[in-house]
Amino acid sequence: AEYFAWFEVGRTDLLRQCGMTYRDLERDGLHLPVIEASARYLKPALYDDVLEVHTEITAVSGARVGFSYEVRRGGTEGPLATGVTEHAAVDARGRPRRLPETLRRSLG
C-alpha cells in the first residue's frame, strides 16, 4: 500500500478540520513541503480494505509543522502503519518564511 499517500490524505483532512486548505495556504503564498518523513510498516493493507487515517499535529514552531499518522483497517484493532512528517514553511520561490500567527493558533 502507498502509506505516504494515505498520510497526505490524513494531513489534508486535518488541515480542513482546522479551517484551511492547501489551496488557501498557497493562495496566501505559503507552501508546506515535506522535509522529513518516516514510516513503520506493521501489516499490509489488502485490496478492498476500508482504511482509516488518524492524524495529529505533533509540533508547531515559527517555521515548521510536524504530524503523526496511524493507518488502520476499518473495524480492526492495531495500526497497519505509523509515520511522521515534518514540513517547512516556504514562500512560492521556496524561501523559508514564518508561519502566520493565525495559522499557528489554528494548528496549535
N, C-alpha and C. Protein backbone atom coordinates (compact mmCIF):
# COMPACT_ATOMS: atom_id res chain seq x y z
N ALA A 1 0.84 -1.19 0.00
CA ALA A 1 0.00 0.00 0.00
C ALA A 1 0.88 1.25 0.00
N GLU A 2 0.31 2.31 -0.43
CA GLU A 2 1.00 3.59 -0.52
C GLU A 2 0.73 4.40 0.75
N TYR A 3 1.39 4.04 1.83
CA TYR A 3 1.08 4.68 3.10
C TYR A 3 1.39 6.17 3.10
N PHE A 4 2.43 6.61 2.41
CA PHE A 4 2.72 8.04 2.40
C PHE A 4 1.60 8.82 1.72
N ALA A 5 0.97 8.24 0.71
CA ALA A 5 -0.18 8.89 0.08
C ALA A 5 -1.34 8.99 1.07
N TRP A 6 -1.53 7.94 1.88
CA TRP A 6 -2.58 7.99 2.91
C TRP A 6 -2.25 9.02 3.97
N PHE A 7 -0.97 9.17 4.31
CA PHE A 7 -0.58 10.21 5.26
C PHE A 7 -0.98 11.58 4.72
N GLU A 8 -0.76 11.80 3.43
CA GLU A 8 -1.12 13.08 2.82
C GLU A 8 -2.62 13.32 2.90
N VAL A 9 -3.41 12.29 2.65
CA VAL A 9 -4.87 12.41 2.77
C VAL A 9 -5.25 12.80 4.19
N GLY A 10 -4.65 12.12 5.17
CA GLY A 10 -4.95 12.44 6.57
C GLY A 10 -4.57 13.86 6.93
N ARG A 11 -3.41 14.30 6.45
CA ARG A 11 -2.93 15.66 6.73
C ARG A 11 -3.86 16.70 6.09
N THR A 12 -4.26 16.46 4.86
CA THR A 12 -5.15 17.38 4.16
C THR A 12 -6.49 17.48 4.88
N ASP A 13 -7.02 16.34 5.30
CA ASP A 13 -8.29 16.34 6.04
C ASP A 13 -8.16 17.08 7.37
N LEU A 14 -7.05 16.88 8.07
CA LEU A 14 -6.86 17.55 9.36
C LEU A 14 -6.77 19.06 9.17
N LEU A 15 -6.05 19.51 8.15
CA LEU A 15 -5.98 20.95 7.88
C LEU A 15 -7.37 21.50 7.59
N ARG A 16 -8.16 20.75 6.83
CA ARG A 16 -9.51 21.18 6.53
C ARG A 16 -10.34 21.31 7.82
N GLN A 17 -10.17 20.36 8.73
CA GLN A 17 -10.87 20.43 10.02
C GLN A 17 -10.43 21.66 10.83
N CYS A 18 -9.22 22.11 10.60
CA CYS A 18 -8.71 23.32 11.28
C CYS A 18 -9.14 24.59 10.56
N GLY A 19 -9.91 24.45 9.48
CA GLY A 19 -10.46 25.61 8.79
C GLY A 19 -9.64 26.13 7.63
N MET A 20 -8.75 25.30 7.08
CA MET A 20 -7.93 25.76 5.96
C MET A 20 -7.69 24.62 4.97
N THR A 21 -7.33 24.99 3.77
CA THR A 21 -6.95 24.00 2.76
C THR A 21 -5.58 24.37 2.23
N TYR A 22 -4.94 23.39 1.59
CA TYR A 22 -3.66 23.69 0.96
C TYR A 22 -3.83 24.78 -0.09
N ARG A 23 -4.94 24.76 -0.80
CA ARG A 23 -5.19 25.78 -1.82
C ARG A 23 -5.22 27.17 -1.17
N ASP A 24 -5.89 27.29 -0.03
CA ASP A 24 -5.93 28.58 0.68
C ASP A 24 -4.52 29.03 1.08
N LEU A 25 -3.75 28.10 1.64
CA LEU A 25 -2.39 28.44 2.07
C LEU A 25 -1.54 28.89 0.89
N GLU A 26 -1.62 28.16 -0.22
CA GLU A 26 -0.82 28.50 -1.40
C GLU A 26 -1.27 29.82 -2.00
N ARG A 27 -2.56 30.09 -1.98
CA ARG A 27 -3.06 31.38 -2.47
C ARG A 27 -2.48 32.53 -1.65
N ASP A 28 -2.25 32.27 -0.36
CA ASP A 28 -1.65 33.27 0.53
C ASP A 28 -0.13 33.26 0.49
N GLY A 29 0.45 32.48 -0.44
CA GLY A 29 1.90 32.48 -0.61
C GLY A 29 2.65 31.57 0.34
N LEU A 30 1.96 30.64 0.99
CA LEU A 30 2.60 29.73 1.93
C LEU A 30 2.55 28.30 1.39
N HIS A 31 3.70 27.66 1.36
CA HIS A 31 3.79 26.25 0.97
C HIS A 31 4.39 25.48 2.14
N LEU A 32 3.99 24.22 2.27
CA LEU A 32 4.47 23.38 3.37
C LEU A 32 5.04 22.08 2.83
N PRO A 33 6.18 22.13 2.13
CA PRO A 33 6.75 20.89 1.60
C PRO A 33 7.23 19.97 2.73
N VAL A 34 7.18 18.69 2.44
CA VAL A 34 7.70 17.69 3.37
C VAL A 34 9.22 17.79 3.35
N ILE A 35 9.83 17.94 4.53
CA ILE A 35 11.30 17.97 4.59
C ILE A 35 11.86 16.74 5.28
N GLU A 36 11.00 16.00 5.96
CA GLU A 36 11.42 14.75 6.57
C GLU A 36 10.20 13.86 6.71
N ALA A 37 10.37 12.57 6.44
CA ALA A 37 9.26 11.62 6.54
C ALA A 37 9.80 10.25 6.92
N SER A 38 9.03 9.56 7.74
CA SER A 38 9.37 8.18 8.06
C SER A 38 8.09 7.40 8.29
N ALA A 39 8.18 6.11 8.07
CA ALA A 39 7.03 5.23 8.26
C ALA A 39 7.50 3.91 8.83
N ARG A 40 6.61 3.32 9.58
CA ARG A 40 6.85 1.99 10.11
C ARG A 40 5.72 1.11 9.60
N TYR A 41 6.07 0.12 8.79
CA TYR A 41 5.09 -0.78 8.20
C TYR A 41 4.90 -1.97 9.13
N LEU A 42 3.68 -2.15 9.61
CA LEU A 42 3.41 -3.20 10.59
C LEU A 42 2.65 -4.38 9.99
N LYS A 43 1.67 -4.08 9.14
CA LYS A 43 0.86 -5.11 8.49
C LYS A 43 0.47 -4.58 7.11
N PRO A 44 0.23 -5.46 6.16
CA PRO A 44 -0.17 -4.98 4.84
C PRO A 44 -1.64 -4.58 4.79
N ALA A 45 -1.92 -3.56 4.01
CA ALA A 45 -3.30 -3.27 3.64
C ALA A 45 -3.63 -4.15 2.45
N LEU A 46 -4.85 -4.63 2.38
CA LEU A 46 -5.26 -5.55 1.32
C LEU A 46 -6.24 -4.86 0.39
N TYR A 47 -6.34 -5.37 -0.83
CA TYR A 47 -7.30 -4.82 -1.78
C TYR A 47 -8.68 -4.80 -1.14
N ASP A 48 -9.41 -3.74 -1.42
CA ASP A 48 -10.77 -3.53 -0.93
C ASP A 48 -10.86 -3.26 0.57
N ASP A 49 -9.73 -3.12 1.26
CA ASP A 49 -9.78 -2.70 2.66
C ASP A 49 -10.32 -1.27 2.74
N VAL A 50 -11.11 -1.02 3.73
CA VAL A 50 -11.52 0.35 4.05
C VAL A 50 -10.55 0.83 5.12
N LEU A 51 -9.77 1.85 4.77
CA LEU A 51 -8.72 2.33 5.67
C LEU A 51 -9.13 3.61 6.36
N GLU A 52 -8.67 3.76 7.59
CA GLU A 52 -8.86 4.99 8.37
C GLU A 52 -7.48 5.56 8.66
N VAL A 53 -7.35 6.86 8.53
CA VAL A 53 -6.09 7.53 8.83
C VAL A 53 -6.32 8.46 10.01
N HIS A 54 -5.61 8.21 11.09
CA HIS A 54 -5.68 9.06 12.28
C HIS A 54 -4.45 9.96 12.26
N THR A 55 -4.68 11.26 12.23
CA THR A 55 -3.59 12.24 12.08
C THR A 55 -3.62 13.21 13.25
N GLU A 56 -2.44 13.53 13.75
CA GLU A 56 -2.31 14.51 14.83
C GLU A 56 -1.19 15.48 14.50
N ILE A 57 -1.35 16.70 14.97
CA ILE A 57 -0.29 17.69 14.88
C ILE A 57 0.61 17.48 16.09
N THR A 58 1.89 17.26 15.83
CA THR A 58 2.82 16.96 16.93
C THR A 58 3.68 18.14 17.32
N ALA A 59 3.86 19.09 16.42
CA ALA A 59 4.72 20.24 16.72
C ALA A 59 4.37 21.39 15.79
N VAL A 60 4.37 22.58 16.35
CA VAL A 60 4.21 23.80 15.56
C VAL A 60 5.23 24.79 16.09
N SER A 61 6.11 25.26 15.20
CA SER A 61 7.10 26.25 15.61
C SER A 61 6.98 27.44 14.67
N GLY A 62 7.94 28.31 14.72
CA GLY A 62 7.90 29.51 13.89
C GLY A 62 7.80 29.23 12.41
N ALA A 63 8.48 28.19 11.94
CA ALA A 63 8.50 27.92 10.51
C ALA A 63 8.35 26.44 10.17
N ARG A 64 7.90 25.62 11.12
CA ARG A 64 7.76 24.19 10.87
C ARG A 64 6.50 23.64 11.51
N VAL A 65 6.02 22.54 10.90
CA VAL A 65 4.86 21.82 11.43
C VAL A 65 5.16 20.34 11.35
N GLY A 66 4.83 19.60 12.40
CA GLY A 66 5.02 18.16 12.42
C GLY A 66 3.69 17.44 12.58
N PHE A 67 3.57 16.28 11.94
CA PHE A 67 2.36 15.47 12.00
C PHE A 67 2.73 14.03 12.30
N SER A 68 1.84 13.32 12.98
CA SER A 68 1.99 11.87 13.14
C SER A 68 0.75 11.20 12.59
N TYR A 69 0.91 9.94 12.19
CA TYR A 69 -0.16 9.22 11.50
C TYR A 69 -0.25 7.78 11.98
N GLU A 70 -1.47 7.26 11.96
CA GLU A 70 -1.73 5.83 12.11
C GLU A 70 -2.73 5.45 11.04
N VAL A 71 -2.40 4.44 10.26
CA VAL A 71 -3.32 3.91 9.26
C VAL A 71 -3.87 2.61 9.82
N ARG A 72 -5.21 2.52 9.84
CA ARG A 72 -5.87 1.33 10.38
C ARG A 72 -6.87 0.79 9.37
N ARG A 73 -7.08 -0.49 9.44
CA ARG A 73 -8.14 -1.13 8.67
C ARG A 73 -9.43 -0.88 9.44
N GLY A 74 -10.47 -0.41 8.77
CA GLY A 74 -11.73 -0.09 9.44
C GLY A 74 -12.25 -1.27 10.23
N GLY A 75 -12.60 -1.02 11.49
CA GLY A 75 -13.20 -2.04 12.33
C GLY A 75 -12.23 -3.03 12.94
N THR A 76 -10.93 -2.80 12.81
CA THR A 76 -9.97 -3.72 13.41
C THR A 76 -9.09 -2.98 14.41
N GLU A 77 -8.43 -3.74 15.23
CA GLU A 77 -7.55 -3.13 16.21
C GLU A 77 -6.11 -3.15 15.71
N GLY A 78 -5.37 -2.16 16.13
CA GLY A 78 -3.96 -2.11 15.80
C GLY A 78 -3.70 -1.46 14.45
N PRO A 79 -2.67 -0.62 14.41
CA PRO A 79 -2.35 0.07 13.16
C PRO A 79 -1.68 -0.86 12.14
N LEU A 80 -1.91 -0.54 10.86
CA LEU A 80 -1.20 -1.20 9.76
C LEU A 80 0.14 -0.51 9.55
N ALA A 81 0.16 0.80 9.79
CA ALA A 81 1.38 1.58 9.62
C ALA A 81 1.30 2.81 10.51
N THR A 82 2.45 3.29 10.92
CA THR A 82 2.55 4.56 11.64
C THR A 82 3.60 5.40 10.93
N GLY A 83 3.51 6.70 11.11
CA GLY A 83 4.51 7.54 10.47
C GLY A 83 4.51 8.95 11.01
N VAL A 84 5.51 9.69 10.60
CA VAL A 84 5.62 11.10 10.94
C VAL A 84 6.12 11.86 9.72
N THR A 85 5.72 13.11 9.62
CA THR A 85 6.28 14.01 8.62
C THR A 85 6.56 15.35 9.28
N GLU A 86 7.56 16.02 8.74
CA GLU A 86 7.87 17.38 9.16
C GLU A 86 7.85 18.26 7.92
N HIS A 87 7.30 19.46 8.08
CA HIS A 87 7.09 20.37 6.96
C HIS A 87 7.69 21.73 7.29
N ALA A 88 8.32 22.33 6.30
CA ALA A 88 8.89 23.67 6.45
C ALA A 88 7.97 24.67 5.76
N ALA A 89 7.84 25.83 6.34
CA ALA A 89 7.08 26.91 5.72
C ALA A 89 8.00 27.65 4.76
N VAL A 90 7.57 27.73 3.50
CA VAL A 90 8.34 28.44 2.48
C VAL A 90 7.39 29.29 1.64
N ASP A 91 7.96 30.28 0.96
CA ASP A 91 7.16 31.09 0.05
C ASP A 91 7.12 30.42 -1.33
N ALA A 92 6.50 31.07 -2.29
CA ALA A 92 6.33 30.48 -3.62
C ALA A 92 7.66 30.21 -4.32
N ARG A 93 8.72 30.89 -3.92
CA ARG A 93 10.04 30.67 -4.51
C ARG A 93 10.86 29.66 -3.73
N GLY A 94 10.28 29.10 -2.67
CA GLY A 94 10.99 28.11 -1.88
C GLY A 94 11.86 28.68 -0.78
N ARG A 95 11.71 29.97 -0.52
CA ARG A 95 12.49 30.61 0.55
C ARG A 95 11.78 30.43 1.89
N PRO A 96 12.54 30.17 2.94
CA PRO A 96 11.91 29.99 4.25
C PRO A 96 11.11 31.22 4.67
N ARG A 97 10.02 30.98 5.34
CA ARG A 97 9.22 32.06 5.91
C ARG A 97 8.56 31.56 7.19
N ARG A 98 8.14 32.49 7.99
CA ARG A 98 7.48 32.13 9.24
C ARG A 98 6.02 31.76 8.97
N LEU A 99 5.51 30.86 9.80
CA LEU A 99 4.09 30.56 9.74
C LEU A 99 3.32 31.77 10.25
N PRO A 100 2.26 32.16 9.58
CA PRO A 100 1.45 33.27 10.10
C PRO A 100 0.90 32.91 11.49
N GLU A 101 0.80 33.90 12.33
CA GLU A 101 0.32 33.68 13.70
C GLU A 101 -1.06 33.03 13.72
N THR A 102 -1.93 33.46 12.82
CA THR A 102 -3.28 32.87 12.79
C THR A 102 -3.22 31.38 12.48
N LEU A 103 -2.32 30.98 11.61
CA LEU A 103 -2.17 29.56 11.28
C LEU A 103 -1.59 28.80 12.47
N ARG A 104 -0.60 29.37 13.12
CA ARG A 104 -0.02 28.70 14.30
C ARG A 104 -1.08 28.49 15.38
N ARG A 105 -1.93 29.48 15.58
CA ARG A 105 -3.01 29.33 16.58
C ARG A 105 -3.99 28.26 16.15
N SER A 106 -4.34 28.21 14.87
CA SER A 106 -5.28 27.20 14.38
C SER A 106 -4.74 25.79 14.54
N LEU A 107 -3.43 25.64 14.34
CA LEU A 107 -2.81 24.31 14.40
C LEU A 107 -2.42 23.90 15.81
N GLY A 108 -2.17 24.89 16.66
CA GLY A 108 -1.55 24.57 17.91
C GLY A 108 -2.34 24.46 19.13
